[in-house]
Amino acid sequence: MVQVDVFWSYAIGAGFAAAASRQLTAAKGEGSGASPSRSLLENGHFTAAVIYLAVFFAPSGIGLLWAFPSWETMHVGDRCLSTWLVLLFAVTNITQGILGFWVTKKLYEAGRDFLASLQMPLGYFAMFFILVHGWDGTGYRRFFSPNKEAFLDWKLSNVAHWLVSDVALTLYAMGLVLLPVMFALMSRWIVQGRQTVAAGEDHGQWRVTTMIARVILGGSLGLAILASLCLRWLGGLFGALVFAGLAYVLALRQGAPLRRWLAQMLLRETL
């Protein structure tokens, strides 16, 4: 969706940088595999990330916008969108990923490992919050409505109808390509990076992939749902304050679940 892809792209770029964090911060020429470089344009991991964004991610967003303009804009637009808006959407699907990669890399190089690792789940949190809550509390209704008519005549049964709609079937098909490629790259880089500092340890890519999924779904999506519930039940200001406290306990403090999951995902002892 147009409103969420800017955050999703950032999360993807940040996730790729986190996965390659050991390689990115290694001294040039050390370790196994390709020699890293402090220049993004000379770094193979950055090149692979940009290729993924340009060849897989960005085209999927443009395809969805062309095929389902109402759903892709969360039912605030149609096929009469401004050409410049469409161009901006296409470009930011790549540039935001580049930004996420660059910010994460810089934070790792500065020794801010936890803040760097947090960039990916932060991006996914923003993405999921818009999908779950949106700007008016109807995010999930907009997502589970294949067209504007269904959104305006919202019923819980829309969910079942959406699951077999053309929109959902297209998403399933795209997901069968987008997600395996992304998870495969990330898990491989994490395992390779771990092997450079702990030779002989065997960490399977499938195991690492499940850890990545746990951070994204259990961490970012879970926190987005919690944030939405706090705002719905407690109101704007008080709900935001309560969620901030819960987010600190669940994600930010030393020993918080999300913090532990990130360390496990990246095969680090602590973050």
Protein backbone atom coordinates (compact mmCIF):
# COMPACT_ATOMS: atom_id res chain seq x y z
CA MET A 1 0.00 0.00 0.00
CA VAL A 2 1.19 3.52 -0.79
CA GLN A 3 0.95 4.65 2.83
CA VAL A 4 2.96 1.75 4.25
CA ASP A 5 5.55 0.96 1.58
CA VAL A 6 7.77 3.88 2.60
CA PHE A 7 8.18 2.25 6.03
CA TRP A 8 8.33 -1.29 4.63
CA SER A 9 11.10 -0.32 2.24
CA TYR A 10 13.05 1.29 5.10
CA ALA A 11 12.61 -1.86 7.18
CA ILE A 12 13.83 -4.06 4.33
CA GLY A 13 16.97 -1.98 3.81
CA ALA A 14 17.63 -1.84 7.55
CA GLY A 15 17.08 -5.59 7.81
CA PHE A 16 19.61 -6.32 5.09
CA ALA A 17 22.19 -4.08 6.81
CA ALA A 18 21.55 -5.74 10.18
CA ALA A 19 21.91 -9.18 8.61
CA ALA A 20 25.28 -8.18 7.15
CA SER A 21 26.35 -6.14 10.19
CA ARG A 22 29.46 -8.20 10.94
CA GLN A 23 30.61 -8.03 7.33
CA LEU A 24 29.88 -4.30 7.11
CA THR A 25 31.91 -3.42 10.19
CA ALA A 26 34.81 -5.78 9.57
CA ALA A 27 38.16 -4.31 8.60
CA LYS A 28 38.70 -4.39 4.84
CA GLY A 29 40.22 -7.64 3.70
CA GLU A 30 39.61 -9.56 6.96
CA GLY A 31 37.39 -12.55 7.40
CA SER A 32 36.07 -14.98 4.86
CA GLY A 33 34.05 -14.19 1.79
CA ALA A 34 34.00 -10.95 -0.14
CA SER A 35 36.04 -8.11 1.27
CA PRO A 36 33.79 -5.46 2.79
CA SER A 37 34.23 -1.78 2.13
CA ARG A 38 33.17 1.33 3.99
CA SER A 39 31.88 2.78 0.72
CA LEU A 40 28.30 1.74 0.05
CA LEU A 41 28.81 1.78 -3.69
CA GLU A 42 31.66 -0.70 -3.36
CA ASN A 43 29.84 -3.03 -0.99
CA GLY A 44 28.34 -6.24 -2.36
CA HIS A 45 25.70 -6.51 0.37
CA PHE A 46 24.44 -3.01 -0.41
CA THR A 47 24.38 -3.85 -4.12
CA ALA A 48 22.32 -6.98 -3.44
CA ALA A 49 19.91 -4.96 -1.26
CA VAL A 50 19.39 -2.34 -3.98
CA ILE A 51 18.86 -5.04 -6.62
CA TYR A 52 16.22 -6.65 -4.40
CA LEU A 53 14.44 -3.33 -3.88
CA ALA A 54 14.59 -2.40 -7.57
CA VAL A 55 13.83 -5.80 -9.13
CA PHE A 56 11.45 -7.34 -6.59
CA PHE A 57 9.98 -4.87 -4.12
CA ALA A 58 9.38 -1.68 -6.12
CA PRO A 59 7.76 -3.44 -9.12
CA SER A 60 5.37 -5.29 -6.81
CA GLY A 61 4.12 -2.00 -5.40
CA ILE A 62 3.66 -0.45 -8.84
CA GLY A 63 1.86 -3.57 -10.04
CA LEU A 64 -0.56 -3.47 -7.13
CA LEU A 65 -1.17 0.26 -7.62
CA TRP A 66 -1.99 -0.30 -11.29
CA ALA A 67 -4.22 -3.33 -10.71
CA PHE A 68 -5.94 -2.23 -7.48
CA PRO A 69 -5.55 1.56 -7.12
CA SER A 70 -8.28 1.91 -4.49
CA TRP A 71 -6.94 -0.86 -2.23
CA GLU A 72 -3.29 0.18 -2.73
CA THR A 73 -4.13 3.73 -1.55
CA MET A 74 -6.23 2.41 1.36
CA HIS A 75 -9.33 3.61 -0.54
CA VAL A 76 -8.42 7.29 -0.65
CA GLY A 77 -7.39 7.31 -4.33
CA ASP A 78 -8.25 5.83 -7.70
CA ARG A 79 -6.78 5.44 -11.20
CA CYS A 80 -6.77 9.26 -11.52
CA LEU A 81 -3.78 9.65 -9.20
CA SER A 82 -1.26 12.34 -10.09
CA THR A 83 1.56 11.10 -12.30
CA TRP A 84 4.06 12.78 -9.99
CA LEU A 85 2.62 10.97 -6.96
CA VAL A 86 3.00 7.62 -8.72
CA LEU A 87 6.58 8.46 -9.71
CA LEU A 88 7.39 9.51 -6.14
CA PHE A 89 5.90 6.27 -4.84
CA ALA A 90 8.03 4.23 -7.24
CA VAL A 91 11.22 6.08 -6.34
CA THR A 92 10.73 5.99 -2.56
CA ASN A 93 10.22 2.24 -2.66
CA ILE A 94 13.92 2.13 -3.48
CA THR A 95 15.36 5.25 -1.84
CA GLN A 96 13.83 4.52 1.58
CA GLY A 97 15.41 1.09 1.52
CA ILE A 98 18.75 2.70 0.71
CA LEU A 99 18.21 5.09 3.63
CA GLY A 100 17.41 2.22 5.99
CA PHE A 101 20.56 0.37 4.95
CA TRP A 102 22.74 3.48 5.28
CA VAL A 103 21.39 4.55 8.69
CA THR A 104 21.76 1.04 10.09
CA LYS A 105 25.30 0.68 8.72
CA LYS A 106 26.35 4.03 10.22
CA LEU A 107 24.92 3.11 13.62
CA TYR A 108 26.79 -0.20 13.65
CA GLU A 109 30.01 1.55 12.68
CA ALA A 110 29.45 3.99 15.55
CA GLY A 111 29.12 1.10 17.99
CA ARG A 112 25.37 1.66 18.57
CA ASP A 113 24.54 -2.00 17.99
CA PHE A 114 21.12 -2.09 19.67
CA LEU A 115 19.90 1.12 18.05
CA ALA A 116 21.17 -0.16 14.70
CA SER A 117 19.44 -3.52 15.13
CA LEU A 118 16.26 -1.72 16.18
CA GLN A 119 15.88 0.05 12.82
CA MET A 120 14.31 -2.98 11.13
CA PRO A 121 11.61 -3.67 13.75
CA LEU A 122 10.93 0.07 14.01
CA GLY A 123 10.24 0.23 10.28
CA TYR A 124 7.99 -2.81 10.45
CA PHE A 125 6.21 -1.39 13.51
CA ALA A 126 5.34 1.81 11.60
CA MET A 127 4.18 -0.26 8.63
CA PHE A 128 1.99 -2.55 10.73
CA PHE A 129 0.58 0.31 12.80
CA ILE A 130 -0.78 1.96 9.67
CA LEU A 131 -2.25 -1.36 8.51
CA VAL A 132 -3.80 -2.12 11.91
CA HIS A 133 -4.83 1.34 13.10
CA GLY A 134 -4.23 3.81 10.29
CA TRP A 135 -4.76 7.53 10.72
CA ASP A 136 -8.39 7.21 11.83
CA GLY A 137 -8.61 3.83 13.54
CA THR A 138 -9.87 2.04 10.42
CA GLY A 139 -6.58 0.66 9.13
CA TYR A 140 -7.53 -3.01 9.36
CA ARG A 141 -10.90 -2.30 7.74
CA ARG A 142 -9.22 -0.61 4.79
CA PHE A 143 -6.77 -3.50 4.44
CA PHE A 144 -9.44 -6.22 4.51
CA SER A 145 -11.68 -4.45 1.99
CA PRO A 146 -10.85 -5.26 -1.65
CA ASN A 147 -12.66 -2.14 -2.91
CA LYS A 148 -14.05 1.13 -1.59
CA GLU A 149 -17.62 -0.14 -1.59
CA ALA A 150 -16.70 -2.96 0.78
CA PHE A 151 -14.87 -0.52 3.04
CA LEU A 152 -17.80 1.90 3.23
CA ASP A 153 -20.15 -1.03 3.94
CA TRP A 154 -17.79 -2.68 6.42
CA LYS A 155 -18.77 -5.99 7.99
CA LEU A 156 -16.60 -8.55 9.73
CA SER A 157 -17.47 -10.97 6.93
CA ASN A 158 -15.35 -8.77 4.66
CA VAL A 159 -12.29 -10.56 6.01
CA ALA A 160 -13.37 -13.95 4.66
CA HIS A 161 -14.30 -12.41 1.30
CA TRP A 162 -10.99 -10.55 1.11
CA LEU A 163 -8.97 -13.72 1.69
CA VAL A 164 -10.19 -15.12 -1.65
CA SER A 165 -10.35 -11.80 -3.52
CA ASP A 166 -8.20 -10.86 -6.51
CA VAL A 167 -6.19 -8.56 -4.24
CA ALA A 168 -5.36 -11.34 -1.80
CA LEU A 169 -4.56 -13.88 -4.53
CA THR A 170 -2.18 -11.38 -6.12
CA LEU A 171 -0.50 -10.79 -2.76
CA TYR A 172 -0.09 -14.52 -2.21
CA ALA A 173 1.59 -14.90 -5.59
CA MET A 174 3.91 -11.95 -4.99
CA GLY A 175 4.70 -13.14 -1.47
CA LEU A 176 5.84 -16.51 -2.81
CA VAL A 177 8.65 -14.65 -4.58
CA LEU A 178 9.35 -11.60 -2.39
CA LEU A 179 9.52 -13.23 1.04
CA PRO A 180 11.65 -16.34 0.32
CA VAL A 181 14.27 -14.24 -1.49
CA MET A 182 14.43 -11.67 1.31
CA PHE A 183 14.57 -14.25 4.10
CA ALA A 184 17.14 -16.35 2.23
CA LEU A 185 19.49 -13.38 1.76
CA MET A 186 19.15 -12.21 5.35
CA SER A 187 19.57 -15.62 6.96
CA ARG A 188 22.56 -16.48 4.76
CA TRP A 189 24.33 -13.22 5.59
CA ILE A 190 23.67 -13.67 9.31
CA VAL A 191 25.05 -17.21 9.28
CA GLN A 192 28.08 -16.20 7.20
CA GLY A 193 28.82 -13.29 9.51
CA ARG A 194 28.57 -15.50 12.57
CA GLN A 195 30.97 -18.02 11.06
CA THR A 196 33.65 -15.34 10.71
CA VAL A 197 33.76 -14.89 14.50
CA ALA A 198 32.77 -18.38 15.67
CA ALA A 199 34.22 -20.88 13.23
CA GLY A 200 32.71 -24.33 13.45
CA GLU A 201 29.37 -23.29 14.95
CA ASP A 202 26.48 -24.55 12.86
CA HIS A 203 23.48 -22.22 12.65
CA GLY A 204 21.05 -23.35 9.97
CA GLN A 205 19.43 -20.76 7.72
CA TRP A 206 15.96 -22.12 8.44
CA ARG A 207 16.47 -21.61 12.17
CA VAL A 208 17.61 -18.04 11.59
CA THR A 209 14.65 -17.43 9.25
CA THR A 210 12.21 -18.40 12.01
CA MET A 211 13.95 -15.93 14.32
CA ILE A 212 13.60 -13.14 11.74
CA ALA A 213 9.90 -13.94 11.38
CA ARG A 214 9.49 -13.86 15.17
CA VAL A 215 10.99 -10.37 15.38
CA ILE A 216 8.77 -9.08 12.56
CA LEU A 217 5.51 -10.76 13.54
CA GLY A 218 5.82 -11.28 17.28
CA GLY A 219 7.72 -8.05 17.85
CA SER A 220 6.68 -5.39 15.33
CA LEU A 221 3.18 -6.64 14.52
CA GLY A 222 2.50 -7.49 18.16
CA LEU A 223 3.52 -4.01 19.29
CA ALA A 224 1.45 -2.39 16.52
CA ILE A 225 -1.66 -4.26 17.67
CA LEU A 226 -0.92 -3.32 21.29
CA ALA A 227 -0.52 0.34 20.31
CA SER A 228 -3.83 0.30 18.47
CA LEU A 229 -5.64 -1.29 21.42
CA CYS A 230 -4.19 1.27 23.83
CA LEU A 231 -5.37 4.13 21.63
CA ARG A 232 -8.83 2.61 21.15
CA TRP A 233 -9.45 1.73 24.79
CA LEU A 234 -7.68 4.57 26.60
CA GLY A 235 -7.86 7.48 24.18
CA GLY A 236 -5.16 9.34 22.32
CA LEU A 237 -2.91 10.95 24.93
CA PHE A 238 -3.32 8.49 27.80
CA GLY A 239 -3.23 5.52 25.42
CA ALA A 240 0.02 6.78 23.86
CA LEU A 241 1.60 7.21 27.31
CA VAL A 242 0.56 3.73 28.42
CA PHE A 243 1.88 2.22 25.20
CA ALA A 244 5.18 4.07 25.60
CA GLY A 245 5.61 2.44 29.00
CA LEU A 246 4.70 -0.99 27.67
CA ALA A 247 7.03 -0.57 24.69
CA TYR A 248 9.89 0.23 27.05
CA VAL A 249 9.21 -2.92 29.08
CA LEU A 250 8.65 -5.19 26.08
CA ALA A 251 11.15 -3.82 23.59
CA LEU A 252 13.67 -1.27 24.84
CA ARG A 253 14.93 -2.03 28.34
CA GLN A 254 17.82 -4.39 28.93
CA GLY A 255 16.49 -7.95 28.81
CA ALA A 256 13.23 -6.98 27.07
CA PRO A 257 11.72 -9.75 24.88
CA LEU A 258 12.23 -7.90 21.60
CA ARG A 259 15.81 -7.07 22.57
CA ARG A 260 16.51 -10.75 23.29
CA TRP A 261 14.85 -11.82 20.04
CA LEU A 262 16.99 -9.41 18.04
CA ALA A 263 20.15 -10.79 19.66
CA GLN A 264 19.02 -14.34 18.88
CA MET A 265 18.12 -13.40 15.30
CA LEU A 266 21.55 -11.89 14.71
CA LEU A 267 23.27 -14.74 16.58
CA ARG A 268 24.77 -12.35 19.14
CA GLU A 269 25.07 -13.02 22.84
CA THR A 270 23.48 -9.70 23.82
CA LEU A 271 22.37 -6.40 22.37
